[in-house]
Amino acid sequence: MQQHTIAIYGREFNSSVIPYVEQLFAYLKEKGVQVYIHSDFYGFLKKQFNCPDDFLLYYNHGDLPTDILFLLSLGGDGTMLSAVSQVKASGIPIAGINFGRLGFLASIHKTKIIEALEDIFSGKYQLQPRALLEVSGSDKNIFGEDNFALNDITVFRHDTSSMITIHAKLNGELLNAYWADGIIIATPTGSTAYSLSCGGPIIMPGSGNFVITPIAPHNLNVRPIVISANSTLELEIESRTDKYILSCDSKTATLPTTTKLTIRKAPFHINLIRLESDKYFNTLREKLLWGLDVRNY
C-alpha cells in the first residue's frame, strides 16, 4: 500500500477548534500518512496540546518535497491566501479546512474532516485552477518573491481623509483617473471578497477576467469594469501625503507616490481541491444566503 505524504499549514487560531485538530492528527496517524508541518505552526500547536512528535518540519516553500500529494490549510480563507505562498508555482494542490467564518476558499467544514480526507485519498475530487495577479513597482522590488495575489491587489489612501487620484492605463491606453479612496483589482476568486463589498460583480472562476472596482469614488457614475485577464494595468497615484498603501492579499506596503505599479496575470496558477459535493453555486447560495426570505429571521 502506497504511503501518502501531505503538508499542513496554519496560523494561530482559537483554542475551541483544538479537538478537531486532534481528530485530524489521530486520523492521519491511523492511515499512516507522512506529514510535513510548517515549523511556526507546529510551535503554536505544541503549546496548545500534546502534539505528535513524529511530524517532519518544513520552514518555507523550498523545503517542501516534490512528492507532496496536497497541502492542507487549517484556518479560514485568510489562511488559505497565506498558504498560496507555501506552494507558489509548484502545482501542489491546496485543500482547506474551515476554522473561520465565511469559508469560500476553505471549503471543508470542521465537522466533515474525516469524510473529506477519505474522498481526497480515494481520488474523489477535482483540481480547480485559479488565476493569480502579479504586481511590480517601477523603482523597487515590492513583496520580493511573494508579489502575487489569489484574491486582489488594492491601492488605498494613506494617513489622510482626502481622496487619492489613481491614473490607470490599460494596455498603454488611458482607462480613467479614479478619484476615490482607492481601487481594487480582483481575480474571479477575489470577486466574492472585498470587491463584492464595494459593489463589484461576482465572476465565475475560469472566466478569464479580472475586475477593477473603485472604493468610494467621488464620481458616482464610475462603476466597476471587467477586463481581460491578458491585460496589463499601469497605475500612477497622486496623494496629498505623497504616500499610498498597497495590499496584495494579506501583505501590505506603504509606498511613495513616485512608485508606479504594473499589474498583470501571474505566470502560474494555484490548484484548489474541490470535492464532488463542493459546487460553486451551492457555495454562493449558502454563503450569500440567496433564496432565503429575510422576513423569517
C-alpha atoms as a PDB file:
ATOM      1  CA  MET A   1       0.000   0.000   0.000  1.00  0.00           C
ATOM      2  CA  GLN A   2       1.426   3.347  -1.039  1.00  0.00           C
ATOM      3  CA  GLN A   3       2.127   5.790   1.785  1.00  0.00           C
ATOM      4  CA  HIS A   4       0.645   9.227   1.244  1.00  0.00           C
ATOM      5  CA  THR A   5       2.654  12.343   2.036  1.00  0.00           C
ATOM      6  CA  ILE A   6       0.930  15.647   2.763  1.00  0.00           C
ATOM      7  CA  ALA A   7       1.883  19.072   4.097  1.00  0.00           C
ATOM      8  CA  ILE A   8      -0.001  21.002   6.775  1.00  0.00           C
ATOM      9  CA  TYR A   9      -0.018  24.768   7.123  1.00  0.00           C
ATOM     10  CA  GLY A  10      -1.884  27.036   9.502  1.00  0.00           C
ATOM     11  CA  ARG A  11      -1.779  30.107  11.680  1.00  0.00           C
ATOM     12  CA  GLU A  12      -2.775  30.752  15.269  1.00  0.00           C
ATOM     13  CA  PHE A  13      -6.470  30.146  15.931  1.00  0.00           C
ATOM     14  CA  ASN A  14      -8.970  29.931  18.756  1.00  0.00           C
ATOM     15  CA  SER A  15      -8.438  27.030  21.154  1.00  0.00           C
ATOM     16  CA  SER A  16     -12.057  25.930  20.651  1.00  0.00           C
ATOM     17  CA  VAL A  17     -11.075  24.110  17.449  1.00  0.00           C
ATOM     18  CA  ILE A  18      -8.253  22.094  19.049  1.00  0.00           C
ATOM     19  CA  PRO A  19     -10.470  18.958  19.339  1.00  0.00           C
ATOM     20  CA  TYR A  20     -10.889  18.996  15.551  1.00  0.00           C
ATOM     21  CA  VAL A  21      -7.115  19.253  15.076  1.00  0.00           C
ATOM     22  CA  GLU A  22      -6.606  16.337  17.454  1.00  0.00           C
ATOM     23  CA  GLN A  23      -9.172  14.336  15.479  1.00  0.00           C
ATOM     24  CA  LEU A  24      -7.321  15.165  12.253  1.00  0.00           C
ATOM     25  CA  PHE A  25      -3.937  14.090  13.622  1.00  0.00           C
ATOM     26  CA  ALA A  26      -5.342  10.854  15.036  1.00  0.00           C
ATOM     27  CA  TYR A  27      -6.861  10.030  11.638  1.00  0.00           C
ATOM     28  CA  LEU A  28      -3.609  10.762   9.791  1.00  0.00           C
ATOM     29  CA  LYS A  29      -1.664   8.534  12.205  1.00  0.00           C
ATOM     30  CA  GLU A  30      -4.182   5.725  11.783  1.00  0.00           C
ATOM     31  CA  LYS A  31      -3.891   5.974   7.980  1.00  0.00           C
ATOM     32  CA  GLY A  32      -0.088   6.013   8.120  1.00  0.00           C
ATOM     33  CA  VAL A  33       0.129   9.367   6.337  1.00  0.00           C
ATOM     34  CA  GLN A  34       3.529  11.052   6.388  1.00  0.00           C
ATOM     35  CA  VAL A  35       3.129  14.684   7.440  1.00  0.00           C
ATOM     36  CA  TYR A  36       5.286  17.739   6.810  1.00  0.00           C
ATOM     37  CA  ILE A  37       4.110  20.603   9.014  1.00  0.00           C
ATOM     38  CA  HIS A  38       5.155  24.250   8.936  1.00  0.00           C
ATOM     39  CA  SER A  39       7.595  24.872  11.789  1.00  0.00           C
ATOM     40  CA  ASP A  40       5.934  28.047  13.108  1.00  0.00           C
ATOM     41  CA  PHE A  41       2.514  26.415  13.123  1.00  0.00           C
ATOM     42  CA  TYR A  42       3.898  23.325  14.840  1.00  0.00           C
ATOM     43  CA  GLY A  43       5.403  25.528  17.551  1.00  0.00           C
ATOM     44  CA  PHE A  44       1.984  27.078  18.154  1.00  0.00           C
ATOM     45  CA  LEU A  45       0.233  23.695  18.301  1.00  0.00           C
ATOM     46  CA  LYS A  46       2.724  22.246  20.800  1.00  0.00           C
ATOM     47  CA  LYS A  47       1.711  24.964  23.243  1.00  0.00           C
ATOM     48  CA  GLN A  48      -1.965  24.030  22.862  1.00  0.00           C
ATOM     49  CA  PHE A  49      -1.971  20.256  23.353  1.00  0.00           C
ATOM     50  CA  ASN A  50       0.182  17.139  23.321  1.00  0.00           C
ATOM     51  CA  CYS A  51       1.048  17.344  19.647  1.00  0.00           C
ATOM     52  CA  PRO A  52       2.556  14.315  17.845  1.00  0.00           C
ATOM     53  CA  ASP A  53       6.363  14.367  17.774  1.00  0.00           C
ATOM     54  CA  ASP A  54       6.864  12.313  14.626  1.00  0.00           C
ATOM     55  CA  PHE A  55       5.991  15.067  12.153  1.00  0.00           C
ATOM     56  CA  LEU A  56       8.595  16.290   9.706  1.00  0.00           C
ATOM     57  CA  LEU A  57       9.125  20.051   9.732  1.00  0.00           C
ATOM     58  CA  TYR A  58       9.408  22.434   6.819  1.00  0.00           C
ATOM     59  CA  TYR A  59      10.306  26.106   7.090  1.00  0.00           C
ATOM     60  CA  ASN A  60       9.465  27.623   3.726  1.00  0.00           C
ATOM     61  CA  HIS A  61       8.406  26.859   0.182  1.00  0.00           C
ATOM     62  CA  GLY A  62      11.818  25.494  -0.759  1.00  0.00           C
ATOM     63  CA  ASP A  63      11.682  22.778   1.904  1.00  0.00           C
ATOM     64  CA  LEU A  64       8.577  21.037   0.558  1.00  0.00           C
ATOM     65  CA  PRO A  65       9.296  17.718  -1.195  1.00  0.00           C
ATOM     66  CA  THR A  66       8.081  17.311  -4.752  1.00  0.00           C
ATOM     67  CA  ASP A  67       6.019  14.192  -3.945  1.00  0.00           C
ATOM     68  CA  ILE A  68       3.554  16.014  -1.656  1.00  0.00           C
ATOM     69  CA  LEU A  69       0.038  14.850  -2.524  1.00  0.00           C
ATOM     70  CA  PHE A  70      -1.539  18.092  -1.324  1.00  0.00           C
ATOM     71  CA  LEU A  71      -1.172  20.868   1.235  1.00  0.00           C
ATOM     72  CA  LEU A  72      -3.851  21.037   3.914  1.00  0.00           C
ATOM     73  CA  SER A  73      -4.626  24.519   5.217  1.00  0.00           C
ATOM     74  CA  LEU A  74      -6.087  24.743   8.737  1.00  0.00           C
ATOM     75  CA  GLY A  75      -7.933  28.021   9.324  1.00  0.00           C
ATOM     76  CA  GLY A  76     -10.146  30.320   7.335  1.00  0.00           C
ATOM     77  CA  ASP A  77      -9.933  31.963   3.936  1.00  0.00           C
ATOM     78  CA  GLY A  78      -7.128  34.228   5.167  1.00  0.00           C
ATOM     79  CA  THR A  79      -5.043  31.183   5.989  1.00  0.00           C
ATOM     80  CA  MET A  80      -5.755  29.775   2.528  1.00  0.00           C
ATOM     81  CA  LEU A  81      -4.486  33.008   0.963  1.00  0.00           C
ATOM     82  CA  SER A  82      -1.332  32.763   3.046  1.00  0.00           C
ATOM     83  CA  ALA A  83      -0.928  29.103   2.044  1.00  0.00           C
ATOM     84  CA  VAL A  84      -0.532  30.175  -1.579  1.00  0.00           C
ATOM     85  CA  SER A  85       2.952  31.444  -0.669  1.00  0.00           C
ATOM     86  CA  GLN A  86       3.793  27.967   0.601  1.00  0.00           C
ATOM     87  CA  VAL A  87       3.194  26.203  -2.717  1.00  0.00           C
ATOM     88  CA  LYS A  88       3.817  29.046  -5.210  1.00  0.00           C
ATOM     89  CA  ALA A  89       4.365  27.662  -8.726  1.00  0.00           C
ATOM     90  CA  SER A  90       4.944  24.053  -7.615  1.00  0.00           C
ATOM     91  CA  GLY A  91       1.463  22.939  -8.661  1.00  0.00           C
ATOM     92  CA  ILE A  92       0.887  21.248  -5.275  1.00  0.00           C
ATOM     93  CA  PRO A  93      -2.905  21.238  -4.720  1.00  0.00           C
ATOM     94  CA  ILE A  94      -4.388  23.016  -1.702  1.00  0.00           C
ATOM     95  CA  ALA A  95      -7.341  21.872   0.398  1.00  0.00           C
ATOM     96  CA  GLY A  96      -8.707  23.996   3.227  1.00  0.00           C
ATOM     97  CA  ILE A  97     -10.440  23.063   6.476  1.00  0.00           C
ATOM     98  CA  ASN A  98     -12.584  25.975   7.551  1.00  0.00           C
ATOM     99  CA  PHE A  99     -11.990  27.085  11.144  1.00  0.00           C
ATOM    100  CA  GLY A 100     -13.061  30.613  10.235  1.00  0.00           C
ATOM    101  CA  ARG A 101     -16.390  32.205   9.356  1.00  0.00           C
ATOM    102  CA  LEU A 102     -17.390  32.524   5.705  1.00  0.00           C
ATOM    103  CA  GLY A 103     -15.221  29.913   4.007  1.00  0.00           C
ATOM    104  CA  PHE A 104     -15.345  30.496   0.237  1.00  0.00           C
ATOM    105  CA  LEU A 105     -11.841  29.042  -0.200  1.00  0.00           C
ATOM    106  CA  ALA A 106     -11.519  26.844   2.882  1.00  0.00           C
ATOM    107  CA  SER A 107     -14.480  24.718   1.905  1.00  0.00           C
ATOM    108  CA  ILE A 108     -14.152  21.671   4.207  1.00  0.00           C
ATOM    109  CA  HIS A 109     -16.279  22.126   7.320  1.00  0.00           C
ATOM    110  CA  LYS A 110     -14.503  21.247  10.565  1.00  0.00           C
ATOM    111  CA  THR A 111     -17.145  18.616  11.356  1.00  0.00           C
ATOM    112  CA  LYS A 112     -16.570  16.866   7.996  1.00  0.00           C
ATOM    113  CA  ILE A 113     -12.775  16.441   8.123  1.00  0.00           C
ATOM    114  CA  ILE A 114     -12.634  12.635   8.050  1.00  0.00           C
ATOM    115  CA  GLU A 115     -15.214  12.260   5.267  1.00  0.00           C
ATOM    116  CA  ALA A 116     -13.458  14.878   3.162  1.00  0.00           C
ATOM    117  CA  LEU A 117      -9.999  13.354   3.562  1.00  0.00           C
ATOM    118  CA  GLU A 118     -11.336   9.893   2.762  1.00  0.00           C
ATOM    119  CA  ASP A 119     -12.665  11.283  -0.527  1.00  0.00           C
ATOM    120  CA  ILE A 120      -9.381  13.051  -1.303  1.00  0.00           C
ATOM    121  CA  PHE A 121      -7.235   9.976  -0.599  1.00  0.00           C
ATOM    122  CA  SER A 122      -9.653   7.958  -2.751  1.00  0.00           C
ATOM    123  CA  GLY A 123      -9.260  10.430  -5.630  1.00  0.00           C
ATOM    124  CA  LYS A 124     -12.866  11.639  -5.441  1.00  0.00           C
ATOM    125  CA  TYR A 125     -12.126  15.269  -6.190  1.00  0.00           C
ATOM    126  CA  GLN A 126     -11.318  17.696  -8.967  1.00  0.00           C
ATOM    127  CA  LEU A 127      -8.494  20.192  -9.284  1.00  0.00           C
ATOM    128  CA  GLN A 128      -9.764  23.694  -9.977  1.00  0.00           C
ATOM    129  CA  PRO A 129      -7.093  26.032 -11.363  1.00  0.00           C
ATOM    130  CA  ARG A 130      -7.300  29.607 -10.034  1.00  0.00           C
ATOM    131  CA  ALA A 131      -5.594  32.579 -11.683  1.00  0.00           C
ATOM    132  CA  LEU A 132      -3.450  34.996  -9.692  1.00  0.00           C
ATOM    133  CA  LEU A 133      -2.420  38.624 -10.086  1.00  0.00           C
ATOM    134  CA  GLU A 134       1.166  39.853 -10.035  1.00  0.00           C
ATOM    135  CA  VAL A 135       2.318  43.378  -9.080  1.00  0.00           C
ATOM    136  CA  SER A 136       5.643  45.101  -9.697  1.00  0.00           C
ATOM    137  CA  GLY A 137       6.960  48.574  -8.889  1.00  0.00           C
ATOM    138  CA  SER A 138       8.750  50.973 -11.216  1.00  0.00           C
ATOM    139  CA  ASP A 139      11.594  51.703  -8.784  1.00  0.00           C
ATOM    140  CA  LYS A 140      11.578  48.913  -6.181  1.00  0.00           C
ATOM    141  CA  ASN A 141      11.011  45.216  -5.643  1.00  0.00           C
ATOM    142  CA  ILE A 142       7.665  45.029  -3.825  1.00  0.00           C
ATOM    143  CA  PHE A 143       6.969  41.955  -1.651  1.00  0.00           C
ATOM    144  CA  GLY A 144      10.017  40.143  -3.074  1.00  0.00           C
ATOM    145  CA  GLU A 145       9.106  36.728  -4.486  1.00  0.00           C
ATOM    146  CA  ASP A 146       5.629  36.929  -2.905  1.00  0.00           C
ATOM    147  CA  ASN A 147       4.349  39.668  -5.219  1.00  0.00           C
ATOM    148  CA  PHE A 148       1.263  37.710  -6.256  1.00  0.00           C
ATOM    149  CA  ALA A 149      -2.325  37.599  -5.037  1.00  0.00           C
ATOM    150  CA  LEU A 150      -5.079  34.997  -5.292  1.00  0.00           C
ATOM    151  CA  ASN A 151      -7.813  37.431  -4.213  1.00  0.00           C
ATOM    152  CA  ASP A 152      -6.931  41.010  -5.048  1.00  0.00           C
ATOM    153  CA  ILE A 153      -4.397  43.803  -5.263  1.00  0.00           C
ATOM    154  CA  THR A 154      -5.637  47.050  -3.727  1.00  0.00           C
ATOM    155  CA  VAL A 155      -4.441  50.657  -3.561  1.00  0.00           C
ATOM    156  CA  PHE A 156      -5.575  52.764  -0.561  1.00  0.00           C
ATOM    157  CA  ARG A 157      -5.086  56.322   0.614  1.00  0.00           C
ATOM    158  CA  HIS A 158      -2.549  56.773   3.429  1.00  0.00           C
ATOM    159  CA  ASP A 159      -2.849  58.975   6.545  1.00  0.00           C
ATOM    160  CA  THR A 160      -5.375  61.349   5.060  1.00  0.00           C
ATOM    161  CA  SER A 161      -9.113  61.797   4.858  1.00  0.00           C
ATOM    162  CA  SER A 162      -8.693  63.180   1.333  1.00  0.00           C
ATOM    163  CA  MET A 163      -9.226  61.007  -1.695  1.00  0.00           C
ATOM    164  CA  ILE A 164      -6.342  59.980  -3.915  1.00  0.00           C
ATOM    165  CA  THR A 165      -6.186  60.107  -7.685  1.00  0.00           C
ATOM    166  CA  ILE A 166      -5.230  56.900  -9.450  1.00  0.00           C
ATOM    167  CA  HIS A 167      -4.299  57.271 -13.116  1.00  0.00           C
ATOM    168  CA  ALA A 168      -4.963  53.912 -14.738  1.00  0.00           C
ATOM    169  CA  LYS A 169      -3.718  52.790 -18.155  1.00  0.00           C
ATOM    170  CA  LEU A 170      -4.924  49.544 -19.701  1.00  0.00           C
ATOM    171  CA  ASN A 171      -2.563  48.062 -22.304  1.00  0.00           C
ATOM    172  CA  GLY A 172      -0.972  51.502 -22.677  1.00  0.00           C
ATOM    173  CA  GLU A 173      -4.269  53.349 -23.200  1.00  0.00           C
ATOM    174  CA  LEU A 174      -5.733  55.720 -20.604  1.00  0.00           C
ATOM    175  CA  LEU A 175      -8.629  53.996 -18.849  1.00  0.00           C
ATOM    176  CA  ASN A 176      -9.563  56.537 -16.188  1.00  0.00           C
ATOM    177  CA  ALA A 177      -8.286  58.843 -13.476  1.00  0.00           C
ATOM    178  CA  TYR A 178     -10.008  57.384 -10.409  1.00  0.00           C
ATOM    179  CA  TRP A 179     -10.675  59.966  -7.685  1.00  0.00           C
ATOM    180  CA  ALA A 180     -11.532  57.707  -4.778  1.00  0.00           C
ATOM    181  CA  ASP A 181     -10.382  56.189  -1.502  1.00  0.00           C
ATOM    182  CA  GLY A 182      -8.669  53.548  -3.628  1.00  0.00           C
ATOM    183  CA  ILE A 183      -9.253  50.810  -6.191  1.00  0.00           C
ATOM    184  CA  ILE A 184      -9.377  47.029  -6.074  1.00  0.00           C
ATOM    185  CA  ILE A 185      -8.088  44.779  -8.849  1.00  0.00           C
ATOM    186  CA  ALA A 186      -9.628  41.372  -8.158  1.00  0.00           C
ATOM    187  CA  THR A 187      -9.422  37.904  -9.658  1.00  0.00           C
ATOM    188  CA  PRO A 188     -12.556  35.786 -10.100  1.00  0.00           C
ATOM    189  CA  THR A 189     -11.613  34.148  -6.781  1.00  0.00           C
ATOM    190  CA  GLY A 190     -11.426  37.567  -5.138  1.00  0.00           C
ATOM    191  CA  SER A 191     -14.620  38.827  -6.749  1.00  0.00           C
ATOM    192  CA  THR A 192     -16.579  37.475  -3.760  1.00  0.00           C
ATOM    193  CA  ALA A 193     -14.317  39.246  -1.255  1.00  0.00           C
ATOM    194  CA  TYR A 194     -13.507  42.965  -0.813  1.00  0.00           C
ATOM    195  CA  SER A 195     -14.524  43.790  -4.379  1.00  0.00           C
ATOM    196  CA  LEU A 196     -18.027  42.419  -3.791  1.00  0.00           C
ATOM    197  CA  SER A 197     -18.480  44.552  -0.667  1.00  0.00           C
ATOM    198  CA  CYS A 198     -17.601  47.618  -2.768  1.00  0.00           C
ATOM    199  CA  GLY A 199     -20.222  46.834  -5.412  1.00  0.00           C
ATOM    200  CA  GLY A 200     -18.191  44.681  -7.778  1.00  0.00           C
ATOM    201  CA  PRO A 201     -19.694  41.765  -9.745  1.00  0.00           C
ATOM    202  CA  ILE A 202     -19.321  38.078  -8.978  1.00  0.00           C
ATOM    203  CA  ILE A 203     -17.119  36.427 -11.615  1.00  0.00           C
ATOM    204  CA  MET A 204     -17.010  32.666 -12.047  1.00  0.00           C
ATOM    205  CA  PRO A 205     -13.572  31.031 -11.711  1.00  0.00           C
ATOM    206  CA  GLY A 206     -12.075  30.229 -15.094  1.00  0.00           C
ATOM    207  CA  SER A 207     -13.820  33.124 -16.834  1.00  0.00           C
ATOM    208  CA  GLY A 208     -10.533  34.637 -17.992  1.00  0.00           C
ATOM    209  CA  ASN A 209     -11.304  38.047 -16.496  1.00  0.00           C
ATOM    210  CA  PHE A 210     -10.314  40.419 -13.729  1.00  0.00           C
ATOM    211  CA  VAL A 211     -12.382  43.249 -12.310  1.00  0.00           C
ATOM    212  CA  ILE A 212     -11.380  46.817 -11.376  1.00  0.00           C
ATOM    213  CA  THR A 213     -13.585  48.118  -8.562  1.00  0.00           C
ATOM    214  CA  PRO A 214     -13.269  51.691  -7.218  1.00  0.00           C
ATOM    215  CA  ILE A 215     -13.527  52.225  -3.449  1.00  0.00           C
ATOM    216  CA  ALA A 216     -15.977  55.058  -2.604  1.00  0.00           C
ATOM    217  CA  PRO A 217     -15.387  57.047  -5.831  1.00  0.00           C
ATOM    218  CA  HIS A 218     -16.135  60.775  -5.864  1.00  0.00           C
ATOM    219  CA  ASN A 219     -17.980  60.435  -9.179  1.00  0.00           C
ATOM    220  CA  LEU A 220     -20.874  58.059  -8.586  1.00  0.00           C
ATOM    221  CA  ASN A 221     -21.092  57.149 -12.274  1.00  0.00           C
ATOM    222  CA  VAL A 222     -17.656  55.498 -12.123  1.00  0.00           C
ATOM    223  CA  ARG A 223     -18.507  51.813 -11.940  1.00  0.00           C
ATOM    224  CA  PRO A 224     -16.571  48.527 -11.727  1.00  0.00           C
ATOM    225  CA  ILE A 225     -15.228  47.294 -15.048  1.00  0.00           C
ATOM    226  CA  VAL A 226     -14.412  43.719 -16.075  1.00  0.00           C
ATOM    227  CA  ILE A 227     -11.212  43.353 -18.107  1.00  0.00           C
ATOM    228  CA  SER A 228      -9.448  40.520 -19.877  1.00  0.00           C
ATOM    229  CA  ALA A 229      -7.008  38.544 -17.756  1.00  0.00           C
ATOM    230  CA  ASN A 230      -4.448  39.084 -20.526  1.00  0.00           C
ATOM    231  CA  SER A 231      -4.475  42.842 -19.918  1.00  0.00           C
ATOM    232  CA  THR A 232      -1.658  44.874 -18.411  1.00  0.00           C
ATOM    233  CA  LEU A 233      -2.708  47.583 -15.980  1.00  0.00           C
ATOM    234  CA  GLU A 234      -0.428  50.503 -15.097  1.00  0.00           C
ATOM    235  CA  LEU A 235      -1.204  52.751 -12.107  1.00  0.00           C
ATOM    236  CA  GLU A 236       0.208  56.116 -11.106  1.00  0.00           C
ATOM    237  CA  ILE A 237      -1.002  57.589  -7.816  1.00  0.00           C
ATOM    238  CA  GLU A 238      -1.382  61.190  -6.625  1.00  0.00           C
ATOM    239  CA  SER A 239      -1.884  61.923  -2.915  1.00  0.00           C
ATOM    240  CA  ARG A 240      -1.588  64.899  -0.583  1.00  0.00           C
ATOM    241  CA  THR A 241       0.672  62.835   1.675  1.00  0.00           C
ATOM    242  CA  ASP A 242       2.899  61.676  -1.214  1.00  0.00           C
ATOM    243  CA  LYS A 243       2.305  58.118   0.012  1.00  0.00           C
ATOM    244  CA  TYR A 244      -0.184  55.335  -0.532  1.00  0.00           C
ATOM    245  CA  ILE A 245      -0.833  51.820   0.752  1.00  0.00           C
ATOM    246  CA  LEU A 246      -0.615  48.760  -1.466  1.00  0.00           C
ATOM    247  CA  SER A 247      -2.101  45.441  -0.382  1.00  0.00           C
ATOM    248  CA  CYS A 248      -1.505  42.106  -2.064  1.00  0.00           C
ATOM    249  CA  ASP A 249      -3.902  39.678  -0.382  1.00  0.00           C
ATOM    250  CA  SER A 250      -2.711  39.704   3.250  1.00  0.00           C
ATOM    251  CA  LYS A 251       0.538  41.564   2.541  1.00  0.00           C
ATOM    252  CA  THR A 252       0.750  45.382   2.769  1.00  0.00           C
ATOM    253  CA  ALA A 253       3.347  48.031   1.978  1.00  0.00           C
ATOM    254  CA  THR A 254       3.479  51.827   2.249  1.00  0.00           C
ATOM    255  CA  LEU A 255       4.910  53.293  -0.935  1.00  0.00           C
ATOM    256  CA  PRO A 256       5.830  56.786  -2.171  1.00  0.00           C
ATOM    257  CA  THR A 257       3.735  58.182  -4.995  1.00  0.00           C
ATOM    258  CA  THR A 258       6.884  58.108  -7.167  1.00  0.00           C
ATOM    259  CA  THR A 259       6.427  54.313  -7.343  1.00  0.00           C
ATOM    260  CA  LYS A 260       4.309  53.390 -10.338  1.00  0.00           C
ATOM    261  CA  LEU A 261       2.647  49.985 -10.408  1.00  0.00           C
ATOM    262  CA  THR A 262       2.255  47.372 -13.120  1.00  0.00           C
ATOM    263  CA  ILE A 263      -0.347  44.668 -12.538  1.00  0.00           C
ATOM    264  CA  ARG A 264      -0.873  41.641 -14.737  1.00  0.00           C
ATOM    265  CA  LYS A 265      -1.795  37.985 -14.597  1.00  0.00           C
ATOM    266  CA  ALA A 266       0.808  35.917 -12.724  1.00  0.00           C
ATOM    267  CA  PRO A 267       2.754  33.366 -14.814  1.00  0.00           C
ATOM    268  CA  PHE A 268       1.378  30.442 -12.778  1.00  0.00           C
ATOM    269  CA  HIS A 269      -1.896  29.340 -11.217  1.00  0.00           C
ATOM    270  CA  ILE A 270      -2.962  27.638  -7.992  1.00  0.00           C
ATOM    271  CA  ASN A 271      -4.745  24.267  -7.892  1.00  0.00           C
ATOM    272  CA  LEU A 272      -7.604  24.121  -5.396  1.00  0.00           C
ATOM    273  CA  ILE A 273      -9.040  20.751  -4.399  1.00  0.00           C
ATOM    274  CA  ARG A 274     -12.795  20.661  -4.886  1.00  0.00           C
ATOM    275  CA  LEU A 275     -14.776  17.646  -3.664  1.00  0.00           C
ATOM    276  CA  GLU A 276     -17.632  16.212  -5.686  1.00  0.00           C
ATOM    277  CA  SER A 277     -20.121  17.669  -3.200  1.00  0.00           C
ATOM    278  CA  ASP A 278     -18.489  21.105  -3.361  1.00  0.00           C
ATOM    279  CA  LYS A 279     -20.348  23.007  -6.090  1.00  0.00           C
ATOM    280  CA  TYR A 280     -19.658  26.663  -6.866  1.00  0.00           C
ATOM    281  CA  PHE A 281     -23.280  27.811  -6.978  1.00  0.00           C
ATOM    282  CA  ASN A 282     -24.130  25.810  -3.863  1.00  0.00           C
ATOM    283  CA  THR A 283     -21.403  27.742  -2.085  1.00  0.00           C
ATOM    284  CA  LEU A 284     -22.732  31.070  -3.362  1.00  0.00           C
ATOM    285  CA  ARG A 285     -26.266  30.270  -2.263  1.00  0.00           C
ATOM    286  CA  GLU A 286     -25.109  29.109   1.157  1.00  0.00           C
ATOM    287  CA  LYS A 287     -22.598  31.863   1.922  1.00  0.00           C
ATOM    288  CA  LEU A 288     -24.593  34.755   0.450  1.00  0.00           C
ATOM    289  CA  LEU A 289     -27.963  33.463   1.728  1.00  0.00           C
ATOM    290  CA  TRP A 290     -29.528  33.513  -1.718  1.00  0.00           C
ATOM    291  CA  GLY A 291     -33.156  32.402  -1.843  1.00  0.00           C
ATOM    292  CA  LEU A 292     -33.777  32.905   1.864  1.00  0.00           C
ATOM    293  CA  ASP A 293     -36.662  35.082   2.987  1.00  0.00           C
ATOM    294  CA  VAL A 294     -35.110  37.535   5.443  1.00  0.00           C
ATOM    295  CA  ARG A 295     -38.560  38.181   6.927  1.00  0.00           C
ATOM    296  CA  ASN A 296     -38.234  34.837   8.676  1.00  0.00           C
ATOM    297  CA  TYR A 297     -35.180  35.998  10.653  1.00  0.00           C
END
